[in-house]
Amino acid sequence: MTRKWQGARTCWHCGQKFRTQRGGGYIFAVVKDPIGNLLRLHKDCVKHVTGGGYAAVANEVES
């Protein structure tokens, strides 16, 4: 069982809200910054932030 996501539902890079999927949940990607923090952002924004210590981790869907 996954726990309910309590964080912000906006993209770390562009600041816009995440898209929802049918049946509930949010669609986003996860990037790790140079000091190890996990950042949620749109899948389209990943190509703008990777490099310079930022690495793509996964594409996810959470409720």
N, C-alpha and C. Protein backbone atom coordinates (compact mmCIF):
# COMPACT_ATOMS: atom_id res chain seq x y z
N MET A 1 0.85 -1.19 0.00
CA MET A 1 0.00 0.00 0.00
C MET A 1 0.89 1.25 0.00
N THR A 2 0.57 2.20 -0.87
CA THR A 2 1.33 3.44 -0.91
C THR A 2 0.69 4.46 0.03
N ARG A 3 1.53 5.27 0.62
CA ARG A 3 0.98 6.28 1.52
C ARG A 3 0.52 7.50 0.73
N LYS A 4 -0.39 8.27 1.29
CA LYS A 4 -0.95 9.44 0.61
C LYS A 4 0.11 10.53 0.52
N TRP A 5 0.25 11.12 -0.64
CA TRP A 5 1.22 12.16 -0.88
C TRP A 5 0.75 13.46 -0.23
N GLN A 6 1.54 14.01 0.67
CA GLN A 6 1.18 15.21 1.41
C GLN A 6 1.86 16.47 0.88
N GLY A 7 2.76 16.34 -0.07
CA GLY A 7 3.54 17.47 -0.56
C GLY A 7 2.78 18.36 -1.54
N ALA A 8 3.48 19.38 -2.03
CA ALA A 8 2.91 20.31 -3.01
C ALA A 8 2.63 19.59 -4.32
N ARG A 9 1.61 20.00 -5.01
CA ARG A 9 1.24 19.38 -6.29
C ARG A 9 1.58 20.28 -7.47
N THR A 10 2.72 20.94 -7.35
CA THR A 10 3.20 21.81 -8.42
C THR A 10 4.60 21.38 -8.84
N CYS A 11 4.93 21.67 -10.07
CA CYS A 11 6.23 21.32 -10.64
C CYS A 11 7.34 22.17 -10.00
N TRP A 12 8.42 21.52 -9.63
CA TRP A 12 9.55 22.22 -9.03
C TRP A 12 10.20 23.17 -10.04
N HIS A 13 10.20 22.83 -11.32
CA HIS A 13 10.88 23.63 -12.35
C HIS A 13 10.02 24.79 -12.84
N CYS A 14 8.79 24.51 -13.30
CA CYS A 14 7.98 25.56 -13.92
C CYS A 14 6.91 26.14 -13.00
N GLY A 15 6.58 25.45 -11.90
CA GLY A 15 5.62 25.99 -10.95
C GLY A 15 4.16 25.73 -11.28
N GLN A 16 3.88 25.03 -12.38
CA GLN A 16 2.49 24.75 -12.73
C GLN A 16 2.03 23.47 -12.07
N LYS A 17 0.70 23.30 -11.97
CA LYS A 17 0.13 22.13 -11.32
C LYS A 17 0.35 20.87 -12.15
N PHE A 18 0.44 19.72 -11.46
CA PHE A 18 0.56 18.43 -12.14
C PHE A 18 -0.76 18.03 -12.74
N ARG A 19 -0.70 17.25 -13.84
CA ARG A 19 -1.90 16.70 -14.45
C ARG A 19 -2.39 15.53 -13.62
N THR A 20 -3.69 15.34 -13.61
CA THR A 20 -4.25 14.19 -12.91
C THR A 20 -4.57 13.11 -13.92
N GLN A 21 -4.63 11.88 -13.46
CA GLN A 21 -5.01 10.81 -14.36
C GLN A 21 -6.40 10.32 -13.99
N ARG A 22 -7.04 9.67 -14.94
CA ARG A 22 -8.37 9.14 -14.72
C ARG A 22 -8.32 8.12 -13.58
N GLY A 23 -9.23 8.22 -12.63
CA GLY A 23 -9.24 7.32 -11.49
C GLY A 23 -8.49 7.87 -10.29
N GLY A 24 -7.90 9.04 -10.42
CA GLY A 24 -7.17 9.67 -9.32
C GLY A 24 -5.67 9.55 -9.47
N GLY A 25 -4.97 10.38 -8.78
CA GLY A 25 -3.51 10.37 -8.80
C GLY A 25 -2.93 11.46 -9.68
N TYR A 26 -1.66 11.72 -9.49
CA TYR A 26 -0.95 12.74 -10.24
C TYR A 26 0.17 12.10 -11.04
N ILE A 27 0.45 12.66 -12.22
CA ILE A 27 1.50 12.15 -13.09
C ILE A 27 2.68 13.11 -13.00
N PHE A 28 3.88 12.58 -12.66
CA PHE A 28 5.06 13.42 -12.53
C PHE A 28 6.31 12.58 -12.66
N ALA A 29 7.45 13.25 -12.73
CA ALA A 29 8.76 12.58 -12.74
C ALA A 29 9.51 13.02 -11.49
N VAL A 30 10.54 12.26 -11.12
CA VAL A 30 11.34 12.57 -9.94
C VAL A 30 12.79 12.77 -10.37
N VAL A 31 13.40 13.84 -9.87
CA VAL A 31 14.79 14.16 -10.14
C VAL A 31 15.51 14.31 -8.80
N LYS A 32 16.74 13.82 -8.72
CA LYS A 32 17.54 13.97 -7.50
C LYS A 32 18.52 15.11 -7.70
N ASP A 33 18.57 16.04 -6.74
CA ASP A 33 19.49 17.17 -6.84
C ASP A 33 20.87 16.76 -6.31
N PRO A 34 21.88 17.64 -6.44
CA PRO A 34 23.25 17.27 -6.06
C PRO A 34 23.42 16.86 -4.59
N ILE A 35 22.56 17.33 -3.69
CA ILE A 35 22.72 16.96 -2.27
C ILE A 35 21.77 15.85 -1.85
N GLY A 36 21.05 15.25 -2.81
CA GLY A 36 20.25 14.07 -2.52
C GLY A 36 18.76 14.29 -2.33
N ASN A 37 18.26 15.50 -2.46
CA ASN A 37 16.82 15.74 -2.33
C ASN A 37 16.08 15.25 -3.56
N LEU A 38 14.89 14.70 -3.36
CA LEU A 38 14.06 14.27 -4.48
C LEU A 38 13.09 15.38 -4.83
N LEU A 39 13.07 15.77 -6.09
CA LEU A 39 12.23 16.87 -6.57
C LEU A 39 11.22 16.33 -7.57
N ARG A 40 9.95 16.73 -7.44
CA ARG A 40 8.91 16.29 -8.37
C ARG A 40 8.69 17.37 -9.41
N LEU A 41 8.60 16.93 -10.68
CA LEU A 41 8.36 17.87 -11.77
C LEU A 41 7.70 17.16 -12.93
N HIS A 42 7.22 17.95 -13.91
CA HIS A 42 6.60 17.37 -15.10
C HIS A 42 7.61 16.54 -15.88
N LYS A 43 7.13 15.52 -16.56
CA LYS A 43 8.02 14.70 -17.38
C LYS A 43 8.68 15.53 -18.47
N ASP A 44 7.99 16.53 -18.99
CA ASP A 44 8.55 17.39 -20.04
C ASP A 44 9.63 18.33 -19.50
N CYS A 45 9.61 18.63 -18.21
CA CYS A 45 10.58 19.55 -17.61
C CYS A 45 11.90 18.85 -17.27
N VAL A 46 11.92 17.52 -17.26
CA VAL A 46 13.13 16.78 -16.88
C VAL A 46 14.30 17.14 -17.80
N LYS A 47 14.05 17.24 -19.10
CA LYS A 47 15.14 17.52 -20.04
C LYS A 47 15.77 18.90 -19.81
N HIS A 48 15.05 19.81 -19.15
CA HIS A 48 15.58 21.15 -18.89
C HIS A 48 16.46 21.21 -17.65
N VAL A 49 16.30 20.26 -16.72
CA VAL A 49 17.03 20.35 -15.45
C VAL A 49 18.12 19.30 -15.28
N THR A 50 18.13 18.23 -16.08
CA THR A 50 19.15 17.20 -15.89
C THR A 50 20.52 17.72 -16.32
N GLY A 51 21.54 17.21 -15.66
CA GLY A 51 22.91 17.68 -15.87
C GLY A 51 23.31 18.60 -14.74
N GLY A 52 24.57 18.83 -14.57
CA GLY A 52 25.04 19.71 -13.50
C GLY A 52 24.74 19.16 -12.11
N GLY A 53 24.69 17.85 -11.98
CA GLY A 53 24.43 17.24 -10.69
C GLY A 53 23.00 16.77 -10.49
N TYR A 54 22.08 17.20 -11.36
CA TYR A 54 20.68 16.76 -11.27
C TYR A 54 20.50 15.52 -12.15
N ALA A 55 19.92 14.45 -11.60
CA ALA A 55 19.77 13.20 -12.33
C ALA A 55 18.33 12.72 -12.24
N ALA A 56 17.78 12.25 -13.36
CA ALA A 56 16.42 11.71 -13.39
C ALA A 56 16.41 10.39 -12.62
N VAL A 57 15.36 10.20 -11.80
CA VAL A 57 15.24 8.98 -10.99
C VAL A 57 14.14 8.08 -11.54
N ALA A 58 12.91 8.62 -11.70
CA ALA A 58 11.79 7.77 -12.12
C ALA A 58 10.62 8.62 -12.57
N ASN A 59 9.70 7.98 -13.31
CA ASN A 59 8.38 8.54 -13.61
C ASN A 59 7.41 7.85 -12.69
N GLU A 60 6.52 8.59 -12.05
CA GLU A 60 5.64 8.00 -11.07
C GLU A 60 4.22 8.51 -11.19
N VAL A 61 3.32 7.79 -10.54
CA VAL A 61 1.94 8.21 -10.39
C VAL A 61 1.59 7.97 -8.94
N GLU A 62 1.14 9.00 -8.23
CA GLU A 62 0.76 8.86 -6.83
C GLU A 62 -0.59 9.48 -6.60
N SER A 63 -1.25 9.02 -5.59
CA SER A 63 -2.55 9.59 -5.22
C SER A 63 -2.38 10.60 -4.12
